[in-house]
Amino acid sequence: MLTYYCYITSNKNRTVLYIGYTDNLKRRLVEHSKGIGAVFTKKYKATDLVYFETFDNKKEAKKRESQLKNWHKEWKWNLIKKSNPNLITLEIN
């Protein structure tokens, strides 16, 4: 069974947010760091993982991604700060 992720990345200055979903978070973060797959993350260097959620199916992860993309920026930052108050770059094992 695959695990799916809805995730948020940011740049070093924490001025932009990128929201996506994937079934392989580690691979996707490597792709972002190499500038592969998302023009936005390459342009704004939004490669630092600051938040993620896990899901049992693709449909729910995609639904959450869509939901978060429609939120106000302040709401997104508040969500991130609940689990990552220092806005550190999260590591994936």
PDB file of N, CA and C in Angstrom:
ATOM      1  N   MET A   1       0.840  -1.188   0.000  1.00  0.00           N
ATOM      2  CA  MET A   1       0.000   0.000   0.000  1.00  0.00           C
ATOM      3  C   MET A   1       0.879   1.244   0.000  1.00  0.00           C
ATOM      4  N   LEU A   2       0.588   2.154  -0.883  1.00  0.00           N
ATOM      5  CA  LEU A   2       1.339   3.398  -0.968  1.00  0.00           C
ATOM      6  C   LEU A   2       0.851   4.408   0.062  1.00  0.00           C
ATOM      7  N   THR A   3       1.763   5.252   0.485  1.00  0.00           N
ATOM      8  CA  THR A   3       1.419   6.402   1.302  1.00  0.00           C
ATOM      9  C   THR A   3       1.515   7.624   0.400  1.00  0.00           C
ATOM     10  N   TYR A   4       0.559   8.496   0.513  1.00  0.00           N
ATOM     11  CA  TYR A   4       0.550   9.737  -0.266  1.00  0.00           C
ATOM     12  C   TYR A   4       0.762  10.909   0.684  1.00  0.00           C
ATOM     13  N   TYR A   5       1.318  11.957   0.140  1.00  0.00           N
ATOM     14  CA  TYR A   5       1.658  13.127   0.938  1.00  0.00           C
ATOM     15  C   TYR A   5       1.125  14.396   0.294  1.00  0.00           C
ATOM     16  N   CYS A   6       0.615  15.272   1.121  1.00  0.00           N
ATOM     17  CA  CYS A   6       0.356  16.651   0.742  1.00  0.00           C
ATOM     18  C   CYS A   6       1.419  17.434   1.500  1.00  0.00           C
ATOM     19  N   TYR A   7       2.144  18.300   0.814  1.00  0.00           N
ATOM     20  CA  TYR A   7       3.292  18.950   1.447  1.00  0.00           C
ATOM     21  C   TYR A   7       3.369  20.424   1.079  1.00  0.00           C
ATOM     22  N   ILE A   8       4.104  21.145   1.909  1.00  0.00           N
ATOM     23  CA  ILE A   8       4.339  22.565   1.660  1.00  0.00           C
ATOM     24  C   ILE A   8       5.838  22.819   1.739  1.00  0.00           C
ATOM     25  N   THR A   9       6.361  23.490   0.722  1.00  0.00           N
ATOM     26  CA  THR A   9       7.758  23.904   0.734  1.00  0.00           C
ATOM     27  C   THR A   9       7.818  25.432   0.725  1.00  0.00           C
ATOM     28  N   SER A  10       8.973  25.939   1.117  1.00  0.00           N
ATOM     29  CA  SER A  10       9.183  27.382   1.139  1.00  0.00           C
ATOM     30  C   SER A  10      10.625  27.673   0.722  1.00  0.00           C
ATOM     31  N   ASN A  11      10.917  28.940   0.510  1.00  0.00           N
ATOM     32  CA  ASN A  11      12.282  29.348   0.199  1.00  0.00           C
ATOM     33  C   ASN A  11      13.039  29.638   1.498  1.00  0.00           C
ATOM     34  N   LYS A  12      14.315  29.948   1.394  1.00  0.00           N
ATOM     35  CA  LYS A  12      15.150  30.186   2.588  1.00  0.00           C
ATOM     36  C   LYS A  12      14.630  31.342   3.441  1.00  0.00           C
ATOM     37  N   ASN A  13      14.097  32.386   2.802  1.00  0.00           N
ATOM     38  CA  ASN A  13      13.595  33.557   3.535  1.00  0.00           C
ATOM     39  C   ASN A  13      12.168  33.396   4.035  1.00  0.00           C
ATOM     40  N   ARG A  14      11.555  32.278   3.703  1.00  0.00           N
ATOM     41  CA  ARG A  14      10.175  31.970   4.117  1.00  0.00           C
ATOM     42  C   ARG A  14       9.185  33.040   3.634  1.00  0.00           C
ATOM     43  N   THR A  15       9.354  33.445   2.370  1.00  0.00           N
ATOM     44  CA  THR A  15       8.467  34.461   1.801  1.00  0.00           C
ATOM     45  C   THR A  15       7.472  33.887   0.796  1.00  0.00           C
ATOM     46  N   VAL A  16       7.716  32.659   0.334  1.00  0.00           N
ATOM     47  CA  VAL A  16       6.784  32.020  -0.602  1.00  0.00           C
ATOM     48  C   VAL A  16       6.471  30.604  -0.130  1.00  0.00           C
ATOM     49  N   LEU A  17       5.326  30.108  -0.559  1.00  0.00           N
ATOM     50  CA  LEU A  17       4.909  28.741  -0.238  1.00  0.00           C
ATOM     51  C   LEU A  17       4.525  28.022  -1.519  1.00  0.00           C
ATOM     52  N   TYR A  18       4.876  26.752  -1.587  1.00  0.00           N
ATOM     53  CA  TYR A  18       4.451  25.883  -2.681  1.00  0.00           C
ATOM     54  C   TYR A  18       3.748  24.685  -2.063  1.00  0.00           C
ATOM     55  N   ILE A  19       2.600  24.322  -2.610  1.00  0.00           N
ATOM     56  CA  ILE A  19       1.834  23.183  -2.104  1.00  0.00           C
ATOM     57  C   ILE A  19       1.728  22.144  -3.208  1.00  0.00           C
ATOM     58  N   GLY A  20       2.003  20.895  -2.845  1.00  0.00           N
ATOM     59  CA  GLY A  20       1.906  19.813  -3.813  1.00  0.00           C
ATOM     60  C   GLY A  20       1.492  18.523  -3.143  1.00  0.00           C
ATOM     61  N   TYR A  21       1.365  17.472  -3.953  1.00  0.00           N
ATOM     62  CA  TYR A  21       1.106  16.139  -3.400  1.00  0.00           C
ATOM     63  C   TYR A  21       1.901  15.124  -4.204  1.00  0.00           C
ATOM     64  N   THR A  22       2.219  14.007  -3.585  1.00  0.00           N
ATOM     65  CA  THR A  22       3.042  12.986  -4.216  1.00  0.00           C
ATOM     66  C   THR A  22       2.899  11.657  -3.485  1.00  0.00           C
ATOM     67  N   ASP A  23       3.372  10.597  -4.115  1.00  0.00           N
ATOM     68  CA  ASP A  23       3.417   9.293  -3.444  1.00  0.00           C
ATOM     69  C   ASP A  23       4.841   8.962  -2.991  1.00  0.00           C
ATOM     70  N   ASN A  24       5.797   9.854  -3.276  1.00  0.00           N
ATOM     71  CA  ASN A  24       7.180   9.649  -2.858  1.00  0.00           C
ATOM     72  C   ASN A  24       7.781  11.012  -2.492  1.00  0.00           C
ATOM     73  N   LEU A  25       7.631  11.383  -1.249  1.00  0.00           N
ATOM     74  CA  LEU A  25       8.023  12.721  -0.814  1.00  0.00           C
ATOM     75  C   LEU A  25       9.528  12.946  -0.941  1.00  0.00           C
ATOM     76  N   LYS A  26      10.308  11.975  -0.580  1.00  0.00           N
ATOM     77  CA  LYS A  26      11.761  12.120  -0.650  1.00  0.00           C
ATOM     78  C   LYS A  26      12.208  12.378  -2.095  1.00  0.00           C
ATOM     79  N   ARG A  27      11.710  11.575  -3.018  1.00  0.00           N
ATOM     80  CA  ARG A  27      12.044  11.765  -4.432  1.00  0.00           C
ATOM     81  C   ARG A  27      11.592  13.131  -4.934  1.00  0.00           C
ATOM     82  N   ARG A  28      10.388  13.531  -4.545  1.00  0.00           N
ATOM     83  CA  ARG A  28       9.837  14.804  -5.022  1.00  0.00           C
ATOM     84  C   ARG A  28      10.661  15.984  -4.521  1.00  0.00           C
ATOM     85  N   LEU A  29      11.133  15.911  -3.288  1.00  0.00           N
ATOM     86  CA  LEU A  29      11.960  16.993  -2.751  1.00  0.00           C
ATOM     87  C   LEU A  29      13.296  17.079  -3.483  1.00  0.00           C
ATOM     88  N   VAL A  30      13.856  15.932  -3.850  1.00  0.00           N
ATOM     89  CA  VAL A  30      15.085  15.925  -4.648  1.00  0.00           C
ATOM     90  C   VAL A  30      14.817  16.564  -6.006  1.00  0.00           C
ATOM     91  N   GLU A  31      13.701  16.225  -6.621  1.00  0.00           N
ATOM     92  CA  GLU A  31      13.335  16.829  -7.904  1.00  0.00           C
ATOM     93  C   GLU A  31      13.215  18.342  -7.775  1.00  0.00           C
ATOM     94  N   HIS A  32      12.556  18.804  -6.725  1.00  0.00           N
ATOM     95  CA  HIS A  32      12.433  20.253  -6.515  1.00  0.00           C
ATOM     96  C   HIS A  32      13.811  20.890  -6.358  1.00  0.00           C
ATOM     97  N   SER A  33      14.687  20.265  -5.585  1.00  0.00           N
ATOM     98  CA  SER A  33      16.013  20.845  -5.353  1.00  0.00           C
ATOM     99  C   SER A  33      16.835  20.911  -6.634  1.00  0.00           C
ATOM    100  N   LYS A  34      16.546  20.010  -7.589  1.00  0.00           N
ATOM    101  CA  LYS A  34      17.248  20.004  -8.876  1.00  0.00           C
ATOM    102  C   LYS A  34      16.521  20.832  -9.940  1.00  0.00           C
ATOM    103  N   GLY A  35      15.394  21.419  -9.562  1.00  0.00           N
ATOM    104  CA  GLY A  35      14.637  22.238 -10.508  1.00  0.00           C
ATOM    105  C   GLY A  35      13.830  21.434 -11.503  1.00  0.00           C
ATOM    106  N   ILE A  36      13.480  20.212 -11.146  1.00  0.00           N
ATOM    107  CA  ILE A  36      12.728  19.327 -12.040  1.00  0.00           C
ATOM    108  C   ILE A  36      11.253  19.309 -11.640  1.00  0.00           C
ATOM    109  N   GLY A  37      10.368  19.475 -12.625  1.00  0.00           N
ATOM    110  CA  GLY A  37       8.957  19.202 -12.405  1.00  0.00           C
ATOM    111  C   GLY A  37       8.051  20.365 -12.052  1.00  0.00           C
ATOM    112  N   ALA A  38       8.524  21.347 -11.334  1.00  0.00           N
ATOM    113  CA  ALA A  38       7.661  22.468 -10.961  1.00  0.00           C
ATOM    114  C   ALA A  38       8.388  23.782 -11.242  1.00  0.00           C
ATOM    115  N   VAL A  39       7.884  24.532 -12.180  1.00  0.00           N
ATOM    116  CA  VAL A  39       8.491  25.801 -12.558  1.00  0.00           C
ATOM    117  C   VAL A  39       8.527  26.757 -11.368  1.00  0.00           C
ATOM    118  N   PHE A  40       7.460  26.754 -10.570  1.00  0.00           N
ATOM    119  CA  PHE A  40       7.370  27.665  -9.426  1.00  0.00           C
ATOM    120  C   PHE A  40       8.498  27.429  -8.429  1.00  0.00           C
ATOM    121  N   THR A  41       8.724  26.172  -8.063  1.00  0.00           N
ATOM    122  CA  THR A  41       9.761  25.888  -7.056  1.00  0.00           C
ATOM    123  C   THR A  41      11.136  26.257  -7.576  1.00  0.00           C
ATOM    124  N   LYS A  42      11.361  26.075  -8.863  1.00  0.00           N
ATOM    125  CA  LYS A  42      12.645  26.459  -9.457  1.00  0.00           C
ATOM    126  C   LYS A  42      12.799  27.979  -9.469  1.00  0.00           C
ATOM    127  N   LYS A  43      11.781  28.674  -9.908  1.00  0.00           N
ATOM    128  CA  LYS A  43      11.841  30.138 -10.020  1.00  0.00           C
ATOM    129  C   LYS A  43      12.035  30.806  -8.663  1.00  0.00           C
ATOM    130  N   TYR A  44      11.301  30.342  -7.653  1.00  0.00           N
ATOM    131  CA  TYR A  44      11.328  30.989  -6.340  1.00  0.00           C
ATOM    132  C   TYR A  44      12.173  30.247  -5.306  1.00  0.00           C
ATOM    133  N   LYS A  45      12.838  29.175  -5.747  1.00  0.00           N
ATOM    134  CA  LYS A  45      13.709  28.384  -4.864  1.00  0.00           C
ATOM    135  C   LYS A  45      12.968  27.888  -3.615  1.00  0.00           C
ATOM    136  N   ALA A  46      11.733  27.482  -3.823  1.00  0.00           N
ATOM    137  CA  ALA A  46      10.891  26.987  -2.722  1.00  0.00           C
ATOM    138  C   ALA A  46      11.132  25.491  -2.548  1.00  0.00           C
ATOM    139  N   THR A  47      12.278  25.140  -2.007  1.00  0.00           N
ATOM    140  CA  THR A  47      12.694  23.739  -1.924  1.00  0.00           C
ATOM    141  C   THR A  47      12.793  23.209  -0.498  1.00  0.00           C
ATOM    142  N   ASP A  48      12.549  24.044   0.505  1.00  0.00           N
ATOM    143  CA  ASP A  48      12.636  23.614   1.903  1.00  0.00           C
ATOM    144  C   ASP A  48      11.279  23.078   2.383  1.00  0.00           C
ATOM    145  N   LEU A  49      11.260  21.820   2.781  1.00  0.00           N
ATOM    146  CA  LEU A  49      10.036  21.222   3.302  1.00  0.00           C
ATOM    147  C   LEU A  49       9.740  21.809   4.682  1.00  0.00           C
ATOM    148  N   VAL A  50       8.561  22.406   4.840  1.00  0.00           N
ATOM    149  CA  VAL A  50       8.181  22.987   6.130  1.00  0.00           C
ATOM    150  C   VAL A  50       6.946  22.323   6.740  1.00  0.00           C
ATOM    151  N   TYR A  51       6.225  21.522   5.928  1.00  0.00           N
ATOM    152  CA  TYR A  51       5.000  20.897   6.428  1.00  0.00           C
ATOM    153  C   TYR A  51       4.614  19.748   5.506  1.00  0.00           C
ATOM    154  N   PHE A  52       4.038  18.685   6.086  1.00  0.00           N
ATOM    155  CA  PHE A  52       3.457  17.627   5.271  1.00  0.00           C
ATOM    156  C   PHE A  52       2.418  16.854   6.071  1.00  0.00           C
ATOM    157  N   GLU A  53       1.515  16.236   5.349  1.00  0.00           N
ATOM    158  CA  GLU A  53       0.492  15.347   5.903  1.00  0.00           C
ATOM    159  C   GLU A  53       0.531  14.054   5.100  1.00  0.00           C
ATOM    160  N   THR A  54       0.159  12.949   5.741  1.00  0.00           N
ATOM    161  CA  THR A  54       0.129  11.663   5.042  1.00  0.00           C
ATOM    162  C   THR A  54      -1.313  11.200   4.830  1.00  0.00           C
ATOM    163  N   PHE A  55      -1.499  10.437   3.743  1.00  0.00           N
ATOM    164  CA  PHE A  55      -2.816   9.934   3.370  1.00  0.00           C
ATOM    165  C   PHE A  55      -2.693   8.513   2.855  1.00  0.00           C
ATOM    166  N   ASP A  56      -3.769   7.759   2.973  1.00  0.00           N
ATOM    167  CA  ASP A  56      -3.798   6.382   2.497  1.00  0.00           C
ATOM    168  C   ASP A  56      -4.149   6.269   1.020  1.00  0.00           C
ATOM    169  N   ASN A  57      -4.693   7.349   0.453  1.00  0.00           N
ATOM    170  CA  ASN A  57      -5.034   7.282  -0.962  1.00  0.00           C
ATOM    171  C   ASN A  57      -4.787   8.606  -1.673  1.00  0.00           C
ATOM    172  N   LYS A  58      -4.579   8.484  -2.968  1.00  0.00           N
ATOM    173  CA  LYS A  58      -4.235   9.624  -3.818  1.00  0.00           C
ATOM    174  C   LYS A  58      -5.345  10.676  -3.835  1.00  0.00           C
ATOM    175  N   LYS A  59      -6.577  10.219  -3.868  1.00  0.00           N
ATOM    176  CA  LYS A  59      -7.717  11.132  -3.957  1.00  0.00           C
ATOM    177  C   LYS A  59      -7.750  12.091  -2.763  1.00  0.00           C
ATOM    178  N   GLU A  60      -7.527  11.565  -1.569  1.00  0.00           N
ATOM    179  CA  GLU A  60      -7.547  12.413  -0.370  1.00  0.00           C
ATOM    180  C   GLU A  60      -6.374  13.395  -0.348  1.00  0.00           C
ATOM    181  N   ALA A  61      -5.203  12.951  -0.781  1.00  0.00           N
ATOM    182  CA  ALA A  61      -4.033  13.845  -0.830  1.00  0.00           C
ATOM    183  C   ALA A  61      -4.272  14.977  -1.814  1.00  0.00           C
ATOM    184  N   LYS A  62      -4.816  14.655  -2.982  1.00  0.00           N
ATOM    185  CA  LYS A  62      -5.119  15.665  -4.004  1.00  0.00           C
ATOM    186  C   LYS A  62      -6.197  16.629  -3.499  1.00  0.00           C
ATOM    187  N   LYS A  63      -7.193  16.099  -2.819  1.00  0.00           N
ATOM    188  CA  LYS A  63      -8.262  16.933  -2.258  1.00  0.00           C
ATOM    189  C   LYS A  63      -7.697  17.927  -1.245  1.00  0.00           C
ATOM    190  N   ARG A  64      -6.786  17.451  -0.381  1.00  0.00           N
ATOM    191  CA  ARG A  64      -6.174  18.327   0.620  1.00  0.00           C
ATOM    192  C   ARG A  64      -5.298  19.381  -0.047  1.00  0.00           C
ATOM    193  N   GLU A  65      -4.570  18.989  -1.080  1.00  0.00           N
ATOM    194  CA  GLU A  65      -3.757  19.958  -1.822  1.00  0.00           C
ATOM    195  C   GLU A  65      -4.641  21.082  -2.369  1.00  0.00           C
ATOM    196  N   SER A  66      -5.728  20.711  -2.991  1.00  0.00           N
ATOM    197  CA  SER A  66      -6.651  21.706  -3.553  1.00  0.00           C
ATOM    198  C   SER A  66      -7.223  22.602  -2.470  1.00  0.00           C
ATOM    199  N   GLN A  67      -7.566  22.005  -1.342  1.00  0.00           N
ATOM    200  CA  GLN A  67      -8.108  22.777  -0.227  1.00  0.00           C
ATOM    201  C   GLN A  67      -7.089  23.808   0.254  1.00  0.00           C
ATOM    202  N   LEU A  68      -5.852  23.361   0.493  1.00  0.00           N
ATOM    203  CA  LEU A  68      -4.825  24.266   1.007  1.00  0.00           C
ATOM    204  C   LEU A  68      -4.477  25.370   0.013  1.00  0.00           C
ATOM    205  N   LYS A  69      -4.493  25.047  -1.265  1.00  0.00           N
ATOM    206  CA  LYS A  69      -4.192  26.063  -2.277  1.00  0.00           C
ATOM    207  C   LYS A  69      -5.226  27.188  -2.277  1.00  0.00           C
ATOM    208  N   ASN A  70      -6.430  26.888  -1.801  1.00  0.00           N
ATOM    209  CA  ASN A  70      -7.480  27.904  -1.755  1.00  0.00           C
ATOM    210  C   ASN A  70      -7.490  28.711  -0.457  1.00  0.00           C
ATOM    211  N   TRP A  71      -6.659  28.330   0.486  1.00  0.00           N
ATOM    212  CA  TRP A  71      -6.588  29.061   1.755  1.00  0.00           C
ATOM    213  C   TRP A  71      -5.839  30.378   1.589  1.00  0.00           C
ATOM    214  N   HIS A  72      -6.144  31.322   2.495  1.00  0.00           N
ATOM    215  CA  HIS A  72      -5.374  32.554   2.572  1.00  0.00           C
ATOM    216  C   HIS A  72      -3.965  32.222   3.054  1.00  0.00           C
ATOM    217  N   LYS A  73      -3.005  33.024   2.657  1.00  0.00           N
ATOM    218  CA  LYS A  73      -1.613  32.762   3.024  1.00  0.00           C
ATOM    219  C   LYS A  73      -1.433  32.709   4.545  1.00  0.00           C
ATOM    220  N   GLU A  74      -2.109  33.587   5.266  1.00  0.00           N
ATOM    221  CA  GLU A  74      -2.005  33.597   6.725  1.00  0.00           C
ATOM    222  C   GLU A  74      -2.472  32.269   7.330  1.00  0.00           C
ATOM    223  N   TRP A  75      -3.542  31.705   6.792  1.00  0.00           N
ATOM    224  CA  TRP A  75      -4.043  30.426   7.288  1.00  0.00           C
ATOM    225  C   TRP A  75      -3.008  29.324   7.064  1.00  0.00           C
ATOM    226  N   LYS A  76      -2.354  29.363   5.917  1.00  0.00           N
ATOM    227  CA  LYS A  76      -1.320  28.367   5.612  1.00  0.00           C
ATOM    228  C   LYS A  76      -0.171  28.480   6.608  1.00  0.00           C
ATOM    229  N   TRP A  77       0.279  29.706   6.858  1.00  0.00           N
ATOM    230  CA  TRP A  77       1.376  29.895   7.817  1.00  0.00           C
ATOM    231  C   TRP A  77       0.970  29.441   9.214  1.00  0.00           C
ATOM    232  N   ASN A  78      -0.255  29.722   9.602  1.00  0.00           N
ATOM    233  CA  ASN A  78      -0.735  29.272  10.924  1.00  0.00           C
ATOM    234  C   ASN A  78      -0.746  27.752  11.017  1.00  0.00           C
ATOM    235  N   LEU A  79      -1.157  27.068   9.956  1.00  0.00           N
ATOM    236  CA  LEU A  79      -1.149  25.608   9.920  1.00  0.00           C
ATOM    237  C   LEU A  79       0.283  25.090  10.069  1.00  0.00           C
ATOM    238  N   ILE A  80       1.193  25.656   9.322  1.00  0.00           N
ATOM    239  CA  ILE A  80       2.597  25.231   9.372  1.00  0.00           C
ATOM    240  C   ILE A  80       3.161  25.434  10.774  1.00  0.00           C
ATOM    241  N   LYS A  81       2.904  26.589  11.357  1.00  0.00           N
ATOM    242  CA  LYS A  81       3.475  26.930  12.667  1.00  0.00           C
ATOM    243  C   LYS A  81       2.940  26.064  13.805  1.00  0.00           C
ATOM    244  N   LYS A  82       1.770  25.454  13.626  1.00  0.00           N
ATOM    245  CA  LYS A  82       1.244  24.556  14.663  1.00  0.00           C
ATOM    246  C   LYS A  82       2.167  23.359  14.879  1.00  0.00           C
ATOM    247  N   SER A  83       2.711  22.809  13.812  1.00  0.00           N
ATOM    248  CA  SER A  83       3.584  21.642  13.944  1.00  0.00           C
ATOM    249  C   SER A  83       5.062  21.975  13.757  1.00  0.00           C
ATOM    250  N   ASN A  84       5.355  23.149  13.236  1.00  0.00           N
ATOM    251  CA  ASN A  84       6.734  23.548  12.970  1.00  0.00           C
ATOM    252  C   ASN A  84       6.904  25.031  13.350  1.00  0.00           C
ATOM    253  N   PRO A  85       6.827  25.341  14.652  1.00  0.00           N
ATOM    254  CA  PRO A  85       6.805  26.744  15.084  1.00  0.00           C
ATOM    255  C   PRO A  85       8.052  27.545  14.732  1.00  0.00           C
ATOM    256  N   ASN A  86       9.183  26.884  14.580  1.00  0.00           N
ATOM    257  CA  ASN A  86      10.428  27.591  14.238  1.00  0.00           C
ATOM    258  C   ASN A  86      10.692  27.616  12.741  1.00  0.00           C
ATOM    259  N   LEU A  87       9.760  27.076  11.973  1.00  0.00           N
ATOM    260  CA  LEU A  87       9.847  27.040  10.519  1.00  0.00           C
ATOM    261  C   LEU A  87      11.152  26.433  10.004  1.00  0.00           C
ATOM    262  N   ILE A  88      11.595  25.380  10.685  1.00  0.00           N
ATOM    263  CA  ILE A  88      12.819  24.715  10.261  1.00  0.00           C
ATOM    264  C   ILE A  88      12.538  23.868   9.016  1.00  0.00           C
ATOM    265  N   THR A  89      13.575  23.565   8.281  1.00  0.00           N
ATOM    266  CA  THR A  89      13.463  22.666   7.145  1.00  0.00           C
ATOM    267  C   THR A  89      13.374  21.249   7.681  1.00  0.00           C
ATOM    268  N   LEU A  90      12.297  20.554   7.352  1.00  0.00           N
ATOM    269  CA  LEU A  90      12.076  19.203   7.847  1.00  0.00           C
ATOM    270  C   LEU A  90      12.882  18.193   7.034  1.00  0.00           C
ATOM    271  N   GLU A  91      13.336  17.151   7.699  1.00  0.00           N
ATOM    272  CA  GLU A  91      14.088  16.079   7.065  1.00  0.00           C
ATOM    273  C   GLU A  91      13.184  14.855   6.899  1.00  0.00           C
ATOM    274  N   ILE A  92      13.322  14.172   5.791  1.00  0.00           N
ATOM    275  CA  ILE A  92      12.575  12.949   5.528  1.00  0.00           C
ATOM    276  C   ILE A  92      13.554  11.792   5.530  1.00  0.00           C
ATOM    277  N   ASN A  93      13.257  10.779   6.313  1.00  0.00           N
ATOM    278  CA  ASN A  93      14.142   9.603   6.385  1.00  0.00           C
ATOM    279  C   ASN A  93      13.818   8.594   5.313  1.00  0.00           C
TER     280      ASN A  93
END
